[in-house]
Protein backbone atom coordinates (compact mmCIF):
# COMPACT_ATOMS: atom_id res chain seq x y z
CA MET A 1 14.20 8.05 -1.25
CA LYS A 2 11.26 7.72 -3.66
CA SER A 3 8.70 8.38 -0.93
CA ILE A 4 10.70 11.41 0.25
CA ILE A 5 10.76 12.79 -3.30
CA SER A 6 7.01 12.23 -3.67
CA ARG A 7 6.24 14.06 -0.42
CA CYS A 8 8.61 16.94 -1.18
CA TYR A 9 7.19 17.33 -4.67
CA ALA A 10 3.66 17.41 -3.25
CA ILE A 11 4.76 20.21 -0.89
CA LEU A 12 6.20 22.14 -3.86
CA LEU A 13 2.94 21.79 -5.77
CA ILE A 14 0.95 23.06 -2.80
CA LEU A 15 3.31 26.02 -2.25
CA SER A 16 3.19 26.88 -5.95
CA LEU A 17 -0.60 26.70 -6.00
CA VAL A 18 -0.85 28.92 -2.92
CA LEU A 19 1.52 31.44 -4.51
CA VAL A 20 -0.38 31.60 -7.81
CA VAL A 21 -3.78 31.84 -6.10
CA SER A 22 -2.48 34.56 -3.76
CA VAL A 23 -1.14 36.57 -6.69
CA LEU A 24 -4.37 36.24 -8.66
CA MET A 25 -6.42 37.36 -5.66
CA ASP A 26 -4.17 40.20 -4.54
CA PHE A 27 -2.42 41.48 -7.67
CA GLY A 28 -3.59 44.80 -9.10
CA MET A 29 -2.46 47.32 -11.69
CA ASP A 30 -2.86 51.02 -12.18
CA ILE A 31 -4.22 51.50 -15.71
CA THR A 32 -5.13 55.03 -16.68
CA GLU A 33 -7.11 55.27 -19.92
CA ARG A 34 -8.97 58.35 -21.08
CA ARG A 35 -10.53 57.04 -24.25
CA LEU A 36 -13.30 54.67 -25.20
CA ILE A 37 -12.30 51.44 -26.86
CA THR A 38 -14.66 50.48 -29.64
CA GLY A 39 -13.35 49.77 -33.07
CA TYR A 40 -10.27 48.25 -34.84
CA GLU A 41 -8.93 46.79 -38.08
CA PHE A 42 -5.32 46.62 -39.37
CA VAL A 43 -1.55 46.73 -38.55
CA GLU A 44 0.73 49.82 -39.09
CA ASP A 45 4.49 50.30 -39.36
CA TYR A 46 6.46 52.13 -36.70
CA GLU A 47 9.83 53.70 -35.90
CA TYR A 48 11.90 52.27 -33.07
CA SER A 49 14.44 54.03 -30.85
CA ARG A 50 16.21 53.32 -27.59
CA VAL A 51 16.49 56.25 -25.17
CA ALA A 52 18.88 56.30 -22.20
CA ASP A 53 17.12 56.61 -18.85
CA LEU A 54 19.18 56.26 -15.69
CA GLN A 55 16.03 55.82 -13.59
CA ALA A 56 14.88 52.82 -15.64
CA PRO A 57 15.63 49.35 -14.16
CA VAL A 58 17.78 48.39 -17.19
CA GLY A 59 19.15 51.93 -17.85
CA PHE A 60 17.03 52.81 -20.88
CA ARG A 61 13.52 52.78 -22.32
CA GLU A 62 12.30 51.76 -25.74
CA GLU A 63 10.04 53.96 -27.87
CA TYR A 64 7.83 53.09 -30.83
CA VAL A 65 6.41 55.97 -32.94
CA PHE A 66 3.36 55.53 -35.20
CA VAL A 67 1.77 57.99 -37.63
CA PHE A 68 -1.75 57.01 -38.64
CA ASP A 69 -2.77 58.76 -41.85
CA GLU A 70 -6.23 57.24 -41.93
CA VAL A 71 -8.60 56.57 -39.04
CA ASP A 72 -11.84 55.44 -40.61
CA GLY A 73 -15.27 54.81 -39.15
CA GLY A 74 -15.10 56.44 -35.75
CA TYR A 75 -12.70 54.94 -33.22
CA ARG A 76 -9.72 52.74 -34.11
CA THR A 77 -7.35 51.17 -31.63
CA LEU A 78 -3.65 50.45 -31.38
CA PHE A 79 -3.57 47.01 -29.81
CA PHE A 80 -0.33 45.43 -28.57
CA TYR A 81 1.00 42.70 -26.27
CA THR A 82 3.85 43.31 -23.79
CA GLU A 83 5.70 41.36 -21.14
CA HIS A 84 7.12 42.87 -17.94
CA ARG A 85 7.19 46.47 -19.13
CA ASN A 86 5.76 49.72 -17.81
CA ILE A 87 3.85 51.44 -20.59
CA ASP A 88 3.16 55.10 -21.46
CA VAL A 89 1.32 56.07 -24.65
CA TYR A 90 1.21 59.65 -25.98
CA VAL A 91 -0.99 61.02 -28.78
CA ASN A 92 0.44 64.28 -30.12
CA GLY A 93 2.38 64.63 -26.87
CA ASP A 94 -0.65 64.05 -24.64
CA ARG A 95 -0.39 60.96 -22.45
CA VAL A 96 -3.57 58.92 -22.94
CA TYR A 97 -2.52 55.56 -21.53
CA ARG A 98 -0.39 54.43 -18.59
CA LEU A 99 0.36 50.93 -17.25
CA ARG A 100 1.95 50.33 -13.84
CA PRO A 101 1.58 47.68 -11.14
CA PHE A 102 0.07 48.82 -7.84
CA ILE A 103 2.76 49.95 -5.41
CA ASN A 104 1.34 47.75 -2.63
CA ASN A 105 1.25 44.51 -4.63
CA SER A 106 2.14 41.63 -2.30
CA PHE A 107 4.07 39.75 -4.97
CA GLY A 108 6.17 41.25 -7.72
CA LYS A 109 6.78 44.73 -9.01
CA THR A 110 5.93 44.04 -12.65
CA PRO A 111 2.62 44.42 -14.50
CA GLY A 112 3.23 40.95 -15.89
CA CYS A 113 2.03 40.04 -19.36
CA GLY A 114 -1.00 41.34 -21.16
CA TRP A 115 -2.64 43.26 -23.99
CA ASN A 116 -2.83 47.04 -24.14
CA SER A 117 -5.24 49.13 -26.23
CA VAL A 118 -5.24 52.81 -27.13
CA ALA A 119 -8.19 54.29 -29.06
CA LEU A 120 -7.79 56.97 -31.76
CA GLU A 121 -10.63 59.20 -32.87
CA GLU A 122 -11.47 59.90 -36.50
CA ASN A 123 -10.40 63.54 -36.21
CA GLU A 124 -6.89 62.39 -35.19
CA GLU A 125 -5.78 61.37 -38.67
CA GLY A 126 -2.09 62.07 -39.01
CA ALA A 127 -1.62 62.06 -35.25
CA THR A 128 1.71 60.88 -33.88
CA VAL A 129 1.38 58.05 -31.39
CA ARG A 130 4.40 57.39 -29.23
CA VAL A 131 4.51 54.18 -27.23
CA VAL A 132 7.13 54.27 -24.48
CA THR A 133 7.98 50.92 -22.91
CA THR A 134 10.29 50.49 -19.95
CA PRO A 135 11.69 46.93 -19.69
CA LEU A 136 11.83 45.80 -16.08
CA TYR A 137 14.20 42.86 -16.65
CA GLU A 138 17.25 42.31 -18.84
CA SER A 139 15.64 39.10 -20.13
CA VAL A 140 12.85 41.01 -21.94
CA VAL A 141 15.12 43.56 -23.58
CA GLY A 142 14.87 43.24 -27.35
CA GLU A 143 11.48 41.53 -27.31
CA THR A 144 9.33 43.46 -29.78
CA PRO A 145 5.73 43.99 -28.68
CA HIS A 146 3.02 42.58 -30.94
CA PHE A 147 1.40 45.70 -32.48
CA TYR A 148 -1.98 45.67 -34.21
CA PHE A 149 -4.17 48.54 -35.41
CA GLY A 150 -7.81 48.19 -36.34
CA GLU A 151 -10.96 46.48 -35.10
CA LYS A 152 -10.23 45.21 -31.59
CA TYR A 153 -12.60 42.29 -31.59
CA GLU A 154 -11.59 41.27 -35.08
CA ILE A 155 -7.95 41.25 -33.96
CA ALA A 156 -8.92 39.27 -30.87
CA ARG A 157 -10.76 36.76 -33.05
CA VAL A 158 -7.77 36.37 -35.37
CA VAL A 159 -5.34 35.94 -32.45
CA LEU A 160 -7.59 33.38 -30.77
CA LEU A 161 -8.11 31.43 -34.00
CA GLU A 162 -4.37 31.41 -34.56
CA GLN A 163 -3.79 29.97 -31.10
CA ILE A 164 -6.64 27.42 -31.11
CA PRO A 165 -4.40 24.47 -32.18
CA THR A 166 -1.98 25.17 -29.33
CA LEU A 167 -4.79 25.69 -26.80
CA LEU A 168 -6.50 22.45 -27.83
CA LEU A 169 -3.23 20.55 -27.60
CA CYS A 170 -2.64 21.99 -24.13
CA PHE A 171 -6.08 20.88 -22.93
CA ILE A 172 -5.53 17.44 -24.45
CA GLY A 173 -2.15 17.21 -22.71
CA ILE A 174 -3.69 18.17 -19.35
CA LEU A 175 -6.47 15.59 -19.68
CA MET A 176 -4.02 12.88 -20.76
CA GLY A 177 -1.72 13.72 -17.86
CA LEU A 178 -4.56 13.56 -15.34
CA PHE A 179 -5.75 10.26 -16.81
CA PHE A 180 -2.30 8.69 -16.50
CA ILE A 181 -1.90 10.03 -12.95
CA PHE A 182 -5.25 8.66 -11.76
CA TYR A 183 -4.77 5.39 -13.66
CA SER A 184 -1.38 4.68 -12.07
CA ALA A 185 -2.62 5.88 -8.65
CA TYR A 186 -5.65 3.56 -8.93
CA LYS A 187 -3.46 0.56 -9.78
CA HIS A 188 -0.83 1.57 -7.19
CA LYS A 189 1.30 -1.54 -7.73
CA GLY A 190 4.58 0.34 -7.39
CA SER A 191 6.09 -1.37 -10.45
CA GLU A 192 8.52 0.29 -12.84
CA MET A 193 5.71 0.73 -15.38
CA ASP A 194 3.43 2.35 -12.80
CA ARG A 195 6.14 4.79 -11.74
CA ALA A 196 6.89 5.64 -15.38
CA LEU A 197 3.20 6.24 -16.08
CA MET A 198 2.85 8.46 -12.99
CA ALA A 199 5.92 10.52 -13.98
CA LEU A 200 4.67 10.73 -17.58
CA GLY A 201 1.27 11.96 -16.38
CA CYS A 202 2.81 14.62 -14.12
CA LEU A 203 5.15 15.81 -16.87
CA ALA A 204 2.37 15.93 -19.48
CA ALA A 205 0.05 17.92 -17.20
CA ILE A 206 2.75 20.36 -16.07
CA ILE A 207 4.23 20.98 -19.53
CA SER A 208 0.72 21.48 -20.93
CA LEU A 209 -0.09 23.95 -18.15
CA TRP A 210 3.17 25.78 -18.87
CA LYS A 211 2.33 26.15 -22.57
CA LEU A 212 -1.27 27.07 -21.78
CA THR A 213 -0.43 29.81 -19.28
CA ASP A 214 2.36 31.11 -21.54
CA ASN A 215 -0.04 31.63 -24.45
CA VAL A 216 -0.86 35.19 -25.55
CA ALA A 217 -4.48 34.21 -26.20
CA LEU A 218 -4.95 33.33 -22.54
CA TYR A 219 -4.04 36.87 -21.48
CA MET A 220 -6.55 38.18 -23.99
CA LEU A 221 -9.26 36.06 -22.37
CA PHE A 222 -8.22 37.00 -18.82
CA GLU A 223 -7.30 40.67 -19.09
CA THR A 224 -8.28 41.27 -15.45
CA MET A 225 -5.77 38.69 -14.11
CA PRO A 226 -2.30 40.18 -14.77
CA GLY A 227 -0.73 38.07 -12.01
CA LEU A 228 -1.24 35.06 -14.25
CA TYR A 229 2.28 35.67 -15.59
CA LEU A 230 3.75 33.77 -12.61
CA SER A 231 2.07 30.52 -13.62
CA PRO A 232 4.26 29.51 -16.61
CA LEU A 233 7.40 30.33 -14.63
CA VAL A 234 6.26 28.10 -11.77
CA PHE A 235 5.14 25.26 -14.05
CA VAL A 236 8.33 25.20 -16.09
CA GLN A 237 10.30 24.87 -12.84
CA LEU A 238 8.06 22.13 -11.48
CA GLY A 239 8.54 20.09 -14.65
CA VAL A 240 12.17 19.22 -13.90
CA ILE A 241 11.48 16.54 -11.27
CA PRO A 242 8.93 14.44 -13.23
CA PHE A 243 11.16 14.79 -16.31
CA VAL A 244 14.13 13.26 -14.47
CA LEU A 245 12.03 10.53 -12.84
CA LEU A 246 10.44 9.60 -16.18
CA ALA A 247 13.84 9.43 -17.86
CA LYS A 248 15.08 7.29 -14.96
CA GLU A 249 12.27 4.75 -15.39
CA LEU A 250 12.64 4.71 -19.17
CA ASN A 251 16.41 4.33 -19.01
CA GLY A 252 16.24 1.49 -16.49
CA VAL A 253 19.81 1.68 -15.15
CA GLY A 254 18.81 1.19 -11.55
CA ASN A 255 18.92 3.42 -8.51
CA GLU A 256 22.26 5.17 -8.99
CA LYS A 257 22.41 8.20 -6.73
CA ILE A 258 23.26 10.53 -9.62
CA TRP A 259 19.61 10.31 -10.72
CA TYR A 260 18.58 12.10 -7.56
CA ALA A 261 21.15 14.91 -7.88
CA PRO A 262 19.07 17.07 -10.30
CA VAL A 263 15.93 16.19 -8.33
CA VAL A 264 17.41 17.49 -5.07
CA PHE A 265 18.91 20.50 -6.86
CA SER A 266 15.56 21.34 -8.50
CA PHE A 267 13.72 20.95 -5.22
CA GLY A 268 16.12 23.32 -3.45
CA ALA A 269 16.08 25.85 -6.30
CA THR A 270 12.27 25.84 -6.45
CA VAL A 271 12.02 26.38 -2.70
CA ILE A 272 14.49 29.28 -2.94
CA THR A 273 12.70 31.01 -5.83
CA LEU A 274 9.28 30.59 -4.24
CA PHE A 275 10.60 31.90 -0.91
CA LEU A 276 12.23 34.94 -2.52
CA GLN A 277 9.06 35.65 -4.48
CA ILE A 278 6.77 35.30 -1.46
CA MET A 279 9.05 37.49 0.66
CA ASP A 280 9.13 40.05 -2.18
CA VAL A 281 12.93 39.94 -2.23
CA CYS A 282 13.35 38.84 -5.83
CA ASP A 283 10.88 38.15 -8.63
CA ILE A 284 10.81 34.66 -10.16
CA ARG A 285 11.49 36.27 -13.53
CA GLN A 286 14.82 37.50 -12.19
CA MET A 287 15.67 33.94 -11.19
CA LEU A 288 15.19 32.48 -14.67
CA TRP A 289 18.90 31.71 -14.88
CA LEU A 290 18.41 29.27 -12.01
CA VAL A 291 15.50 27.59 -13.83
CA TYR A 292 17.65 27.23 -16.95
CA LEU A 293 20.40 25.74 -14.81
CA GLU A 294 17.95 23.19 -13.35
CA TRP A 295 16.90 22.00 -16.81
CA LEU A 296 20.47 21.95 -18.05
CA ALA A 297 21.57 19.81 -15.09
CA ALA A 298 18.63 17.46 -15.64
CA CYS A 299 19.36 17.02 -19.36
CA LEU A 300 23.07 16.45 -18.71
CA VAL A 301 22.32 13.76 -16.13
CA VAL A 302 19.84 12.05 -18.47
CA VAL A 303 22.33 12.05 -21.36
CA TRP A 304 25.10 10.77 -19.09
CA MET A 305 22.90 7.97 -17.73
CA ILE A 306 21.92 6.96 -21.29
CA ILE A 307 25.61 6.63 -22.11
CA LEU A 308 26.24 4.75 -18.85
CA ARG A 309 23.38 2.34 -19.55
CA MET A 310 24.71 1.66 -23.04
CA ARG A 311 28.11 0.85 -21.55
CA LYS A 312 26.66 -1.49 -18.94
CA GLN A 313 23.83 -3.16 -20.82
CA GLY A 314 24.68 -2.62 -24.47
CA TRP A 315 22.65 -1.00 -27.21
CA ASP A 316 18.91 -0.91 -26.46
CA VAL A 317 17.17 0.84 -29.33
CA LYS A 318 13.82 1.14 -27.54
CA LYS A 319 15.11 2.77 -24.35
CA LEU A 320 17.50 5.00 -26.25
CA ARG A 321 14.71 6.08 -28.61
CA ASP A 322 12.31 6.87 -25.74
CA SER A 323 14.82 9.03 -23.88
CA ILE A 324 16.07 10.91 -26.96
CA LEU A 325 12.53 11.57 -28.20
CA LEU A 326 11.59 12.95 -24.79
CA ILE A 327 14.50 15.41 -24.82
CA ALA A 328 13.86 16.29 -28.48
CA CYS A 329 10.20 17.12 -27.80
CA LEU A 330 11.10 19.44 -24.94
CA VAL A 331 13.82 21.13 -27.00
CA LEU A 332 11.38 21.64 -29.88
CA MET A 333 8.85 23.27 -27.55
CA VAL A 334 11.53 25.57 -26.15
CA ILE A 335 12.52 26.54 -29.71
CA ASP A 336 8.86 27.24 -30.57
CA THR A 337 8.55 29.48 -27.52
CA GLY A 338 11.79 31.31 -28.32
CA VAL A 339 10.81 31.87 -31.96
CA PHE A 340 7.47 33.31 -30.88
CA LYS A 341 9.09 35.64 -28.33
CA ILE A 342 11.54 36.96 -30.94
CA SER A 343 9.51 37.02 -34.16
CA SER A 344 5.87 36.75 -33.05
CA ILE A 345 5.53 33.69 -35.32
CA SER A 346 3.31 31.20 -33.51
CA SER A 347 4.02 27.48 -33.87
CA TRP A 348 2.27 24.51 -32.32
CA LEU A 349 4.56 21.82 -33.77
CA GLY A 350 6.54 21.41 -30.53
CA MET A 351 3.39 20.89 -28.47
CA ALA A 352 1.98 18.52 -31.09
CA ALA A 353 5.17 16.45 -31.02
CA PHE A 354 5.09 16.32 -27.23
CA ILE A 355 1.41 15.27 -27.14
CA ALA A 356 2.09 12.57 -29.73
CA TYR A 357 5.02 11.36 -27.63
CA VAL A 358 2.95 11.33 -24.43
CA LEU A 359 0.10 9.49 -26.16
CA LEU A 360 2.37 6.83 -27.64
CA MET A 361 4.32 6.39 -24.41
CA GLY A 362 1.09 6.19 -22.42
CA VAL A 363 -0.38 3.55 -24.75
CA PHE A 364 2.82 1.51 -24.74
CA THR A 365 3.15 1.77 -20.96
CA VAL A 366 -0.47 0.74 -20.38
CA LYS A 367 0.01 -2.21 -22.73
CA ASP A 368 3.21 -3.22 -20.95
CA THR A 369 1.43 -2.87 -17.60
CA LYS A 370 -1.40 -5.11 -18.76
CA ALA A 371 1.12 -7.65 -20.01
CA LEU A 372 2.84 -7.59 -16.63
CA MET A 373 -0.54 -8.00 -14.93
CA GLU A 374 -1.21 -11.07 -17.07
CA ILE A 375 2.19 -12.42 -16.11
CA GLY A 376 1.34 -11.69 -12.47
CA ILE A 377 -1.96 -13.55 -12.82
CA GLN A 378 -0.12 -16.50 -14.33
CA ALA A 379 2.37 -16.39 -11.48
CA GLN A 380 -0.50 -16.37 -9.00
CA ASN A 381 -1.99 -19.39 -10.76
CA PHE A 382 1.33 -21.20 -10.57
CA GLU A 383 1.63 -20.28 -6.92
CA ARG A 384 -1.89 -21.52 -6.28
CA LYS A 385 -1.08 -24.82 -7.93
CA ALA A 386 2.09 -25.10 -5.88
CA TYR A 387 0.48 -24.28 -2.52
CA HIS A 388 -3.09 -25.51 -2.90
CA ASP A 389 -4.61 -28.95 -3.12
CA GLN A 390 -6.20 -29.28 -6.54
CA LEU A 391 -9.10 -31.45 -5.40
CA THR A 392 -10.30 -29.53 -2.33
CA GLY A 393 -8.85 -26.05 -2.85
CA LEU A 394 -7.33 -26.11 0.65
CA TYR A 395 -3.67 -25.40 1.34
CA ASN A 396 -1.40 -28.43 0.83
CA ARG A 397 1.48 -29.90 2.83
CA THR A 398 4.01 -27.65 1.04
CA ALA A 399 2.07 -24.57 2.12
CA TYR A 400 1.91 -25.93 5.67
CA MET A 401 5.67 -26.49 5.88
CA ASP A 402 6.46 -23.05 4.37
CA TYR A 403 4.07 -21.32 6.76
CA VAL A 404 5.36 -22.87 9.97
CA SER A 405 9.00 -22.39 8.89
CA GLN A 406 8.66 -18.62 8.38
CA GLU A 407 10.68 -16.42 10.71
CA SER A 408 7.58 -14.40 11.53
CA PHE A 409 5.63 -17.48 12.62
CA GLY A 410 5.36 -17.90 16.39
CA PRO A 411 3.94 -21.16 17.77
CA GLU A 412 2.96 -19.57 21.07
CA LYS A 413 -0.80 -19.77 21.66
CA CYS A 414 -1.23 -21.83 18.48
CA ILE A 415 -3.67 -24.75 18.43
CA VAL A 416 -3.12 -27.62 15.99
CA VAL A 417 -6.15 -29.69 14.97
CA VAL A 418 -5.59 -32.95 13.05
CA PHE A 419 -8.32 -34.81 11.10
CA ASP A 420 -8.56 -38.23 9.49
CA LEU A 421 -11.42 -39.52 7.30
CA ASN A 422 -12.85 -42.91 8.24
CA ASN A 423 -13.68 -45.62 5.66
CA LEU A 424 -12.23 -43.71 2.68
CA LYS A 425 -10.41 -46.84 1.43
CA LYS A 426 -13.68 -48.80 1.55
CA TYR A 427 -15.48 -46.34 -0.70
CA ASN A 428 -12.53 -46.17 -3.09
CA ASP A 429 -12.41 -49.99 -3.38
CA LEU A 430 -16.16 -50.67 -3.58
CA LEU A 431 -17.56 -47.60 -5.39
CA GLY A 432 -14.55 -46.19 -7.24
CA HIS A 433 -12.20 -43.25 -6.80
CA SER A 434 -14.76 -40.76 -8.10
CA VAL A 435 -16.93 -41.49 -5.05
CA GLY A 436 -13.84 -41.34 -2.87
CA ASP A 437 -12.97 -37.93 -4.30
CA ARG A 438 -16.49 -36.74 -3.56
CA TYR A 439 -16.09 -37.99 0.03
CA ILE A 440 -12.83 -36.01 0.40
CA LYS A 441 -14.28 -32.81 -1.11
CA GLU A 442 -17.39 -32.84 1.09
CA CYS A 443 -15.33 -33.44 4.24
CA ALA A 444 -12.96 -30.63 3.23
CA GLU A 445 -15.93 -28.28 2.80
CA LEU A 446 -17.24 -29.13 6.28
CA ILE A 447 -13.79 -28.59 7.85
CA GLN A 448 -13.35 -25.25 6.03
CA ARG A 449 -16.84 -24.15 7.06
CA SER A 450 -16.17 -24.95 10.71
CA PHE A 451 -12.59 -23.67 11.08
CA GLY A 452 -11.96 -21.31 8.13
CA GLU A 453 -12.84 -18.20 10.15
CA VAL A 454 -10.24 -18.82 12.85
CA GLY A 455 -7.50 -20.86 11.20
CA ARG A 456 -5.69 -22.04 8.07
CA CYS A 457 -6.97 -25.36 6.75
CA TYR A 458 -4.63 -27.87 5.05
CA ARG A 459 -4.98 -31.17 3.26
CA MET A 460 -1.82 -32.95 4.35
CA GLY A 461 -2.34 -35.79 1.90
CA GLY A 462 -4.77 -38.66 1.27
CA ASP A 463 -7.41 -38.60 4.01
CA GLU A 464 -5.41 -36.44 6.44
CA PHE A 465 -6.23 -32.78 7.18
CA SER A 466 -5.05 -30.26 9.71
CA VAL A 467 -5.82 -26.73 10.90
CA ILE A 468 -3.55 -24.18 12.59
CA ILE A 469 -5.50 -21.82 14.84
CA GLU A 470 -3.74 -18.69 16.09
CA LYS A 471 -6.58 -16.48 17.30
CA ALA A 472 -8.89 -18.72 19.31
CA SER A 473 -9.00 -20.43 22.69
CA LEU A 474 -9.27 -24.15 23.44
CA GLU A 475 -12.91 -23.64 24.38
CA ASP A 476 -13.64 -22.08 21.00
CA CYS A 477 -11.78 -24.94 19.32
CA LYS A 478 -13.92 -27.51 21.16
CA LYS A 479 -17.10 -25.69 20.13
CA ARG A 480 -16.06 -25.79 16.50
CA ILE A 481 -15.24 -29.49 16.71
CA LYS A 482 -18.74 -30.10 18.08
CA MET A 483 -20.12 -27.97 15.24
CA LEU A 484 -18.18 -30.11 12.75
CA LYS A 485 -19.47 -33.35 14.29
CA ALA A 486 -23.04 -32.03 14.15
CA SER A 487 -22.61 -31.08 10.48
CA VAL A 488 -21.32 -34.58 9.69
CA GLU A 489 -24.28 -36.23 11.43
CA GLU A 490 -26.75 -33.92 9.68
CA ARG A 491 -25.17 -34.70 6.33
CA ASN A 492 -25.24 -38.49 7.01
CA VAL A 493 -28.97 -38.34 7.68
CA LEU A 494 -29.57 -36.70 4.32
CA HIS A 495 -27.18 -39.04 2.43
CA PRO A 496 -27.19 -42.47 4.11
CA GLU A 497 -25.71 -44.13 0.99
CA MET A 498 -22.29 -42.72 1.94
CA VAL A 499 -21.80 -42.36 5.69
CA MET A 500 -18.97 -39.98 6.58
CA GLY A 501 -16.80 -40.09 9.65
CA ILE A 502 -14.11 -37.59 10.71
CA ALA A 503 -11.79 -38.35 13.60
CA CYS A 504 -9.97 -35.39 15.11
CA GLY A 505 -7.48 -34.45 17.77
CA TYR A 506 -6.23 -31.09 18.98
CA GLU A 507 -3.48 -29.71 21.18
CA LEU A 508 -2.31 -26.26 22.33
CA TYR A 509 1.38 -25.48 21.94
CA ASP A 510 3.16 -25.95 25.26
CA SER A 511 6.79 -24.79 25.51
CA ARG A 512 7.37 -27.31 28.33
CA LEU A 513 6.41 -30.23 26.07
CA ASP A 514 7.04 -28.95 22.54
CA HIS A 515 10.29 -27.90 20.94
CA ASP A 516 8.39 -26.52 17.95
CA ILE A 517 4.98 -26.74 16.30
CA SER A 518 5.82 -30.18 14.91
CA ASP A 519 5.76 -31.62 18.44
CA THR A 520 2.32 -30.06 18.96
CA PHE A 521 1.18 -31.66 15.69
CA ARG A 522 2.39 -35.09 16.84
CA ARG A 523 0.52 -34.81 20.14
CA ALA A 524 -2.66 -33.78 18.31
CA ASP A 525 -2.13 -36.66 15.86
CA LYS A 526 -1.95 -39.18 18.74
CA MET A 527 -5.18 -37.79 20.16
CA MET A 528 -6.81 -38.10 16.73
CA TYR A 529 -5.79 -41.76 16.43
CA ARG A 530 -7.26 -42.52 19.86
CA GLU A 531 -10.57 -41.07 18.68
CA LYS A 532 -10.31 -42.92 15.36
CA TYR A 533 -9.80 -46.19 17.21
CA ALA A 534 -12.80 -45.42 19.45
CA MET A 535 -14.97 -44.67 16.40
CA LYS A 536 -14.02 -47.99 14.80
CA GLN A 537 -14.81 -49.89 17.99
CA MET A 538 -18.20 -48.18 18.05
CA GLN A 539 -18.85 -49.33 14.46
CA VAL A 540 -17.95 -52.95 15.40
CA LEU A 541 -20.37 -52.91 18.32
CA GLN A 542 -23.12 -51.57 16.05
């Protein structure tokens, strides 16, 4: 299920990216402006009225009337921000500004979001300026445009400075999200911590992109890209899945199917909205109710699973705190956005709280991951001690028995080679166990060097060794035994004070003779003892 979700989410991201890029490349607007835009400086009051208009999408239009008594220093400009409205501006009854989307836009029939500017000349003091806005969606009705009057670039500077904290936090959130994504992808252990870090990174990047692309300053910087308005709508919808998956990992209740209900619902809803937008049937803005429903379902499931976990596992302050803080941060950001839409009061507290949460969660998760890695290293050390001979580093008898008893192990075409070290007891008795240990280690090194490439080498105990070969023929085995004998002789010439001798025997598994690999081992062991006896007889004759 997790792999299916990952693949489906990747498809959604690609589709969303294609949609946004297509809109940015193809979207155009018809802006008619008959006046130069040069100079600006302060805000004026206005009169508001709502006029019935049966041809308007929502049944009426909204009008704002300004009377400018003073227009100093040449040109001054009425500067205002609107969302999803057609605009007409009249100066003394003469239309001087018009905003409409191109009729042949591939996606959407709205001019999106952006800033509008209307210049007034000095000789137009006392002129009546009437701004007529036609809301295209019920959801934007009642949203008051942000009106400014004065020096355009001064207003732009003030707006940008006001939004710098939010913009910086958004960039920080994107960078943090990408870092967590690449960090967890690089480790790719598949643990609970890794999955939580991946979900946290995706959520941080997507929420930061939502807040960035929903910022009025961004539309001031990219006035020629009106289709940018689709981006925050897409990002806020894509945030549901990583939010649920992060809450799932933080809550730690297990793999109850209810966790995947909002994920599947969000996936289906996102596909539907993207399809309707691409086919130009319905604008994403008109499907906002579905986006709200996705987030509501996700939050309800998260709250329910927190309650369920508390019932099953008891009170866990840490997990409860993490989940509640996550929901609280998102709610605070939504409140910030709503307050700005209604009152034009900009706040970055929600984004700051979310970034602080992401940073703390990321640090804690990385620390927990490192702790788990240390535990894993300790477990590997314990496993090494359990399955490896401490003196030689080869596998031990326990490892041998576990390997040949595995269900996946097949004795067919396996060769078993058995070794025994000659005169080890003599060196232990005459020169001490330290010399005997050296004897064992050097023999083990020669065996590993000769057979390590084609088989698994074991120290069965004392002076007994064995090798299981699965990917070599008998001829290759004989060649390696000759190579081992040659290495022993070469070593004895260099170190005559301790002459080594290794007796060996080998047998290929034969289903007619062997019930299992143990029978093959016994036949190889008999062959080894025949050679050992022959080597001792040779020493007596010498």
